[in-house]
N, C-alpha and C. Protein backbone atom coordinates (compact mmCIF):
# COMPACT_ATOMS: atom_id res chain seq x y z
N MET A 1 -35.04 -29.06 46.60
CA MET A 1 -35.58 -28.22 47.56
C MET A 1 -34.31 -27.53 48.03
N THR A 2 -33.18 -27.73 47.97
CA THR A 2 -31.81 -27.56 47.96
C THR A 2 -31.40 -26.56 47.43
N GLU A 3 -31.72 -26.89 45.93
CA GLU A 3 -31.70 -25.55 44.99
C GLU A 3 -32.70 -24.17 45.27
N GLN A 4 -33.65 -24.43 45.81
CA GLN A 4 -34.69 -23.17 46.01
C GLN A 4 -34.06 -22.80 47.31
N LEU A 5 -33.60 -23.33 48.24
CA LEU A 5 -32.65 -22.74 49.66
C LEU A 5 -31.61 -21.79 49.04
N ALA A 6 -31.01 -22.22 48.21
CA ALA A 6 -29.78 -21.56 47.73
C ALA A 6 -30.23 -20.27 46.86
N THR A 7 -31.24 -20.53 46.15
CA THR A 7 -31.55 -19.42 45.27
C THR A 7 -32.35 -18.32 46.51
N SER A 8 -33.10 -18.75 47.39
CA SER A 8 -33.52 -17.98 48.37
C SER A 8 -32.44 -17.11 48.90
N ARG A 9 -31.25 -17.73 49.40
CA ARG A 9 -30.21 -17.24 50.04
C ARG A 9 -29.42 -16.01 49.49
N GLU A 10 -29.39 -16.80 48.21
CA GLU A 10 -28.79 -15.30 47.16
C GLU A 10 -29.96 -14.19 47.19
N ASN A 11 -30.54 -14.82 46.92
CA ASN A 11 -31.94 -13.26 46.84
C ASN A 11 -31.68 -12.59 48.33
N GLU A 12 -31.50 -13.01 49.33
CA GLU A 12 -31.75 -12.43 50.41
C GLU A 12 -30.63 -11.55 50.54
N GLN A 13 -28.93 -12.19 49.96
CA GLN A 13 -27.80 -11.57 49.96
C GLN A 13 -28.00 -10.48 49.20
N SER A 14 -28.44 -10.36 47.63
CA SER A 14 -29.16 -9.54 47.07
C SER A 14 -29.58 -8.05 47.55
N VAL A 15 -30.64 -8.76 48.19
CA VAL A 15 -31.44 -7.28 49.14
C VAL A 15 -30.68 -6.73 50.11
N ASP A 16 -29.72 -7.72 51.34
CA ASP A 16 -29.23 -7.08 51.74
C ASP A 16 -28.11 -6.12 51.17
N ALA A 17 -27.35 -6.37 50.03
CA ALA A 17 -26.67 -5.67 49.65
C ALA A 17 -27.12 -4.27 49.03
N TRP A 18 -27.95 -4.33 48.42
CA TRP A 18 -28.98 -3.32 48.12
C TRP A 18 -28.82 -1.87 49.19
N LEU A 19 -29.84 -2.94 50.27
CA LEU A 19 -30.49 -2.06 51.46
C LEU A 19 -28.80 -1.08 52.13
N ASP A 20 -27.96 -1.72 52.05
CA ASP A 20 -26.20 -1.38 52.46
C ASP A 20 -26.22 -0.24 51.48
N MET A 21 -26.08 -0.34 50.55
CA MET A 21 -25.47 0.49 49.53
C MET A 21 -26.71 1.71 49.45
N VAL A 22 -28.21 1.74 49.42
CA VAL A 22 -29.26 2.61 49.45
C VAL A 22 -29.03 3.44 50.64
N GLN A 23 -28.63 2.94 51.57
CA GLN A 23 -28.60 3.60 53.25
C GLN A 23 -27.66 4.95 52.84
N ASN A 24 -26.87 4.62 51.94
CA ASN A 24 -25.87 5.99 51.71
C ASN A 24 -26.67 7.13 50.75
N TYR A 25 -27.52 6.85 50.69
CA TYR A 25 -28.67 7.66 49.79
C TYR A 25 -29.39 8.35 50.10
N TYR A 26 -29.68 8.01 51.23
CA TYR A 26 -30.96 8.28 52.07
C TYR A 26 -31.38 9.65 52.01
N ASP A 27 -30.90 10.71 52.33
CA ASP A 27 -30.63 12.23 51.89
C ASP A 27 -30.32 12.59 51.13
N LEU A 28 -30.44 12.16 49.76
CA LEU A 28 -30.11 12.23 48.50
C LEU A 28 -30.87 13.51 47.97
N GLN A 29 -30.13 14.62 47.61
CA GLN A 29 -30.64 15.70 47.11
C GLN A 29 -30.80 16.04 45.28
N GLU A 30 -29.77 15.33 44.66
CA GLU A 30 -29.60 15.26 43.67
C GLU A 30 -28.93 14.17 42.96
N LEU A 31 -29.83 13.90 41.78
CA LEU A 31 -29.36 12.50 41.17
C LEU A 31 -28.68 12.51 40.37
N ASP A 32 -27.17 12.32 40.33
CA ASP A 32 -26.01 12.76 39.48
C ASP A 32 -25.98 11.48 38.44
N ARG A 33 -25.09 11.40 37.62
CA ARG A 33 -25.13 10.16 36.65
C ARG A 33 -24.08 9.17 37.40
N PRO A 34 -23.27 9.18 38.15
CA PRO A 34 -22.58 8.32 38.90
C PRO A 34 -23.11 7.20 39.97
N THR A 35 -24.05 8.11 40.66
CA THR A 35 -25.03 7.69 41.70
C THR A 35 -26.04 6.72 40.91
N LEU A 36 -26.77 7.46 39.66
CA LEU A 36 -27.84 6.83 39.16
C LEU A 36 -27.13 5.17 38.46
N VAL A 37 -26.15 5.25 37.96
CA VAL A 37 -25.47 3.91 37.44
C VAL A 37 -25.18 3.17 38.39
N ARG A 38 -24.91 3.68 39.89
CA ARG A 38 -24.70 2.40 40.79
C ARG A 38 -25.93 2.13 41.38
N LEU A 39 -27.25 2.72 41.34
CA LEU A 39 -28.21 2.57 41.87
C LEU A 39 -29.20 1.56 41.25
N ILE A 40 -29.22 2.14 39.44
CA ILE A 40 -30.46 1.53 38.73
C ILE A 40 -29.64 0.62 37.67
N GLN A 41 -30.01 -0.43 36.94
CA GLN A 41 -29.66 -1.81 36.35
C GLN A 41 -30.19 -0.47 35.09
N LYS A 42 -31.50 -0.87 34.72
CA LYS A 42 -31.99 -0.10 33.50
C LYS A 42 -33.61 0.55 33.68
N ILE A 43 -34.29 1.48 32.72
CA ILE A 43 -35.60 2.27 32.96
C ILE A 43 -35.95 1.64 31.49
N GLU A 44 -37.31 1.38 31.77
CA GLU A 44 -38.11 1.12 30.71
C GLU A 44 -39.01 1.85 30.65
N ILE A 45 -39.37 2.79 29.42
CA ILE A 45 -40.47 3.41 29.33
C ILE A 45 -41.47 3.24 28.29
N SER A 46 -42.54 2.73 28.49
CA SER A 46 -43.74 2.26 27.13
C SER A 46 -44.32 3.49 26.44
N GLU A 47 -44.74 2.90 25.22
CA GLU A 47 -45.60 3.96 24.28
C GLU A 47 -46.43 4.35 25.09
N LYS A 48 -46.94 5.60 24.54
CA LYS A 48 -47.73 6.43 24.87
C LYS A 48 -49.24 5.76 24.62
N TYR A 49 -50.16 6.12 25.60
CA TYR A 49 -51.51 5.39 25.39
C TYR A 49 -52.23 6.63 25.88
N THR A 50 -53.38 6.79 25.63
CA THR A 50 -54.40 7.83 26.39
C THR A 50 -55.59 6.58 27.26
N VAL A 51 -55.63 7.59 28.76
CA VAL A 51 -56.41 7.60 29.51
C VAL A 51 -57.25 8.85 29.90
N ASP A 52 -58.64 8.60 29.69
CA ASP A 52 -59.43 9.64 29.81
C ASP A 52 -58.90 10.98 28.98
N ASP A 53 -58.70 11.01 27.87
CA ASP A 53 -58.22 12.26 27.23
C ASP A 53 -56.81 13.04 27.40
N HIS A 54 -55.88 12.09 28.25
CA HIS A 54 -54.92 12.66 28.11
C HIS A 54 -53.87 11.37 28.08
N GLU A 55 -52.68 11.98 27.49
CA GLU A 55 -51.60 10.54 27.34
C GLU A 55 -50.85 10.30 28.54
N GLU A 56 -50.64 9.06 28.69
CA GLU A 56 -49.82 8.20 29.75
C GLU A 56 -49.03 7.75 29.10
N ARG A 57 -47.63 7.23 30.06
CA ARG A 57 -46.73 6.04 29.60
C ARG A 57 -46.60 5.37 30.95
N ASP A 58 -46.11 4.41 31.14
CA ASP A 58 -45.63 3.19 32.11
C ASP A 58 -43.89 3.37 31.99
N ILE A 59 -43.64 3.71 33.33
CA ILE A 59 -41.84 3.48 33.64
C ILE A 59 -41.94 2.75 34.34
N HIS A 60 -40.83 1.57 34.35
CA HIS A 60 -40.63 0.47 35.13
C HIS A 60 -38.90 0.67 35.70
N ILE A 61 -38.60 0.90 36.72
CA ILE A 61 -37.24 1.16 37.30
C ILE A 61 -36.57 -0.11 37.78
N TYR A 62 -35.57 -0.67 37.00
CA TYR A 62 -34.97 -1.69 37.40
C TYR A 62 -33.64 -1.42 38.35
N TYR A 63 -34.17 -1.67 39.57
CA TYR A 63 -32.55 -1.54 40.45
C TYR A 63 -31.73 -2.45 40.75
N ASN A 64 -30.13 -2.16 40.74
CA ASN A 64 -29.60 -3.20 40.92
C ASN A 64 -29.64 -4.19 42.03
N PHE A 65 -29.25 -5.54 42.02
CA PHE A 65 -29.71 -6.07 43.16
C PHE A 65 -31.11 -6.76 43.20
N VAL A 66 -31.87 -5.87 43.05
CA VAL A 66 -33.52 -6.27 43.68
C VAL A 66 -34.41 -6.13 42.01
N GLY A 67 -33.85 -5.89 41.21
CA GLY A 67 -34.54 -5.54 40.13
C GLY A 67 -36.06 -4.63 40.37
N TYR A 68 -37.28 -5.28 39.59
CA TYR A 68 -38.45 -4.26 39.50
C TYR A 68 -39.05 -4.11 40.72
N ILE A 69 -39.17 -2.62 41.47
CA ILE A 69 -40.31 -2.88 42.72
C ILE A 69 -41.77 -2.43 42.23
N GLU A 70 -42.52 -3.04 42.07
CA GLU A 70 -43.97 -2.53 41.74
C GLU A 70 -44.35 -1.90 43.06
N VAL A 71 -44.79 -0.81 42.52
CA VAL A 71 -45.44 0.46 43.84
C VAL A 71 -46.62 0.50 43.62
């Protein structure tokens, strides 16, 4: 249980750090490379697949501190 509590606290600190950082970019008009590097850990783009006669791809964005957020 102590290990779970420590993990939970680490996750909470990561989310707090991410929120503090994101507040600086609330009114961001243009995404430049330095900002992208600060905010995003990685982007995964799937292979194309067909849905209702048109091609689609899945895009997953993994943010620094919090990882992937499903929308």
